[in-house]
Amino acid sequence: MELDFIYRRRSIRKFHPNPKISNADFQELLTAAMSAPSACAKDPWRFYVVRQPAMLEQIAAALPNGKFLPQAGNGIVVCGDLDRAHGNELSYMLQDCSAAIENLLLAAGVKGFGACWLGVHPREERVAALSRILKLSDKVIPLAVIAIGVPAEHQPPRNRYRAEAVQFID
């Protein structure tokens, strides 16, 4: 089916230990991420590609559900820059960056990588920890961390369509 790449996108939490993803692959993944829609084309996203094991350990320590991050060997911290967001609005920044994250996750799956979205914002303690680790300015807000690597598990495709969540207005 034409949309199978969407149904195959699953959160992967088990990775072959520490394989590094090439700069060319990261550029392709981030090009896909930055192809996301953005309110008034403001593109408020910032991406920090982390492959340094010690920093991956620090980030994982700040994320209660991200202990597997160092095993992935690669992480992308997705941040939003409030000064670049449409109208300097947090809501637009969150929407734009979330669209970029979904593009990134879909692209990772198409390329055969495993990935998992780890939430940071709005948890203040997580935002503060990642801001400190990455030495971010007050206007750059860490929103999520994407663990990415070579999957050591396979999740079957699925969809979560629920007819009761849809109302057609004709």
Protein backbone atom coordinates (compact mmCIF):
# COMPACT_ATOMS: atom_id res chain seq x y z
CA MET A 1 0.00 0.00 0.00
CA GLU A 2 1.16 3.51 -0.77
CA LEU A 3 1.09 4.65 2.88
CA ASP A 4 2.86 1.62 4.39
CA PHE A 5 5.86 3.76 5.35
CA ILE A 6 3.58 5.53 7.84
CA TYR A 7 2.20 2.31 9.33
CA ARG A 8 5.74 0.88 9.63
CA ARG A 9 6.92 3.87 11.71
CA ARG A 10 7.20 2.52 15.22
CA SER A 11 9.07 3.60 18.32
CA ILE A 12 12.25 1.52 18.62
CA ARG A 13 13.90 1.20 22.01
CA LYS A 14 16.44 -1.57 21.33
CA PHE A 15 19.44 -0.84 19.15
CA HIS A 16 22.57 -2.56 17.98
CA PRO A 17 25.22 -1.02 20.25
CA ASN A 18 26.63 2.35 19.29
CA PRO A 19 26.55 2.34 15.49
CA LYS A 20 27.31 5.80 14.20
CA ILE A 21 25.13 7.22 11.47
CA SER A 22 27.02 9.01 8.71
CA ASN A 23 26.94 12.75 8.27
CA ALA A 24 25.39 12.21 4.81
CA ASP A 25 22.54 10.19 6.33
CA PHE A 26 22.01 12.82 9.01
CA GLN A 27 21.92 15.54 6.37
CA GLU A 28 19.27 13.60 4.46
CA LEU A 29 17.20 13.02 7.63
CA LEU A 30 17.43 16.66 8.65
CA THR A 31 16.59 17.83 5.13
CA ALA A 32 13.40 15.79 5.43
CA ALA A 33 12.74 17.25 8.88
CA MET A 34 13.19 20.80 7.61
CA SER A 35 10.79 20.13 4.72
CA ALA A 36 7.95 20.24 7.25
CA PRO A 37 5.35 22.99 7.09
CA SER A 38 5.98 26.01 9.26
CA ALA A 39 3.72 28.94 10.13
CA CYS A 40 4.68 31.79 7.76
CA ALA A 41 7.80 29.77 6.82
CA LYS A 42 9.57 30.89 10.00
CA ASP A 43 11.31 27.51 10.49
CA PRO A 44 11.96 27.94 14.22
CA TRP A 45 13.65 24.57 14.64
CA ARG A 46 17.19 23.89 15.80
CA PHE A 47 18.73 20.41 15.68
CA TYR A 48 21.64 19.26 17.82
CA VAL A 49 23.09 15.97 16.56
CA VAL A 50 24.75 14.21 19.49
CA ARG A 51 27.06 11.24 18.97
CA GLN A 52 29.44 11.84 21.87
CA PRO A 53 28.91 8.92 24.32
CA ALA A 54 29.40 11.02 27.47
CA MET A 55 26.84 13.58 26.33
CA LEU A 56 24.37 10.85 25.34
CA GLU A 57 24.73 9.48 28.89
CA GLN A 58 24.07 12.95 30.38
CA ILE A 59 20.99 13.44 28.23
CA ALA A 60 19.70 9.94 29.04
CA ALA A 61 20.10 10.67 32.76
CA ALA A 62 17.72 13.64 32.34
CA LEU A 63 15.04 11.58 30.55
CA PRO A 64 13.26 8.99 32.70
CA ASN A 65 12.13 7.04 29.61
CA GLY A 66 15.33 7.47 27.62
CA LYS A 67 17.81 5.15 29.31
CA PHE A 68 18.38 3.36 25.97
CA LEU A 69 19.65 6.55 24.26
CA PRO A 70 23.37 5.75 24.68
CA GLN A 71 22.84 2.30 23.14
CA ALA A 72 21.35 3.95 20.04
CA GLY A 73 24.65 5.77 19.62
CA ASN A 74 22.99 8.83 18.13
CA GLY A 75 20.56 11.43 19.35
CA ILE A 76 18.99 14.51 17.86
CA VAL A 77 17.87 17.16 20.31
CA VAL A 78 15.10 19.12 18.64
CA CYS A 79 14.78 22.66 19.93
CA GLY A 80 12.59 25.58 19.05
CA ASP A 81 13.79 29.16 18.80
CA LEU A 82 11.10 31.50 20.13
CA ASP A 83 12.67 34.47 18.37
CA ARG A 84 12.10 32.72 15.03
CA ALA A 85 8.58 31.43 15.72
CA HIS A 86 5.64 33.11 13.98
CA GLY A 87 4.66 36.02 16.22
CA ASN A 88 7.18 34.73 18.79
CA GLU A 89 4.39 32.38 19.88
CA LEU A 90 5.18 29.17 21.76
CA SER A 91 2.20 27.38 20.20
CA TYR A 92 3.37 28.00 16.63
CA MET A 93 6.90 26.94 17.56
CA LEU A 94 5.61 23.69 19.08
CA GLN A 95 3.46 22.91 16.04
CA ASP A 96 6.25 23.63 13.57
CA CYS A 97 8.84 21.58 15.47
CA SER A 98 6.40 18.69 15.96
CA ALA A 99 5.83 18.54 12.20
CA ALA A 100 9.60 18.48 11.67
CA ILE A 101 9.96 15.68 14.23
CA GLU A 102 7.33 13.56 12.48
CA ASN A 103 9.06 14.07 9.12
CA LEU A 104 12.35 13.04 10.75
CA LEU A 105 10.80 9.88 12.25
CA LEU A 106 9.20 8.89 8.95
CA ALA A 107 12.45 9.49 7.04
CA ALA A 108 14.41 7.42 9.58
CA GLY A 109 12.03 4.50 9.08
CA VAL A 110 12.22 4.71 5.29
CA LYS A 111 16.02 4.62 5.51
CA GLY A 112 15.95 1.56 7.76
CA PHE A 113 16.93 3.26 11.01
CA GLY A 114 15.14 2.78 14.30
CA ALA A 115 14.04 5.90 16.14
CA CYS A 116 12.12 6.92 19.23
CA TRP A 117 10.68 10.32 20.18
CA LEU A 118 11.50 11.21 23.79
CA GLY A 119 9.52 14.11 25.20
CA VAL A 120 11.26 17.01 26.91
CA HIS A 121 8.92 20.04 26.82
CA PRO A 122 6.86 20.93 28.90
CA ARG A 123 8.63 19.06 31.74
CA GLU A 124 10.55 21.92 33.38
CA GLU A 125 13.21 19.68 34.93
CA ARG A 126 13.94 18.09 31.53
CA VAL A 127 13.99 21.46 29.75
CA ALA A 128 16.39 22.84 32.38
CA ALA A 129 18.68 19.80 32.21
CA LEU A 130 18.97 19.79 28.43
CA SER A 131 19.38 23.57 28.34
CA ARG A 132 22.28 23.21 30.75
CA ILE A 133 23.87 20.27 28.93
CA LEU A 134 23.70 22.02 25.54
CA LYS A 135 24.31 25.53 26.94
CA LEU A 136 21.20 26.91 25.23
CA SER A 137 20.03 30.51 25.38
CA ASP A 138 16.75 31.31 27.13
CA LYS A 139 14.96 31.68 23.77
CA VAL A 140 15.97 28.22 22.51
CA ILE A 141 13.79 25.56 24.13
CA PRO A 142 14.56 21.83 23.97
CA LEU A 143 11.36 20.06 22.93
CA ALA A 144 12.34 16.46 22.27
CA VAL A 145 15.19 14.04 21.85
CA ILE A 146 15.13 11.52 19.04
CA ALA A 147 17.11 8.34 19.74
CA ILE A 148 18.26 7.00 16.40
CA GLY A 149 20.33 4.02 15.36
CA VAL A 150 20.29 0.56 13.86
CA PRO A 151 17.27 -1.30 15.26
CA ALA A 152 17.76 -4.51 17.24
CA GLU A 153 14.01 -5.11 17.42
CA HIS A 154 11.20 -5.19 14.92
CA GLN A 155 7.74 -3.85 15.62
CA PRO A 156 4.93 -4.92 13.28
CA PRO A 157 3.19 -2.25 11.21
CA ARG A 158 0.02 -0.83 12.70
CA ASN A 159 -2.52 1.88 12.41
CA ARG A 160 -4.53 3.36 15.23
CA TYR A 161 -7.55 4.47 13.27
CA ARG A 162 -10.66 4.78 15.45
CA ALA A 163 -13.90 5.48 13.63
CA GLU A 164 -15.39 7.04 16.79
CA ALA A 165 -12.74 9.77 16.65
CA VAL A 166 -13.98 10.95 13.23
CA GLN A 167 -17.00 13.02 12.39
CA PHE A 168 -17.85 13.84 8.78
CA ILE A 169 -19.68 17.13 8.30
CA ASP A 170 -21.20 17.15 4.82
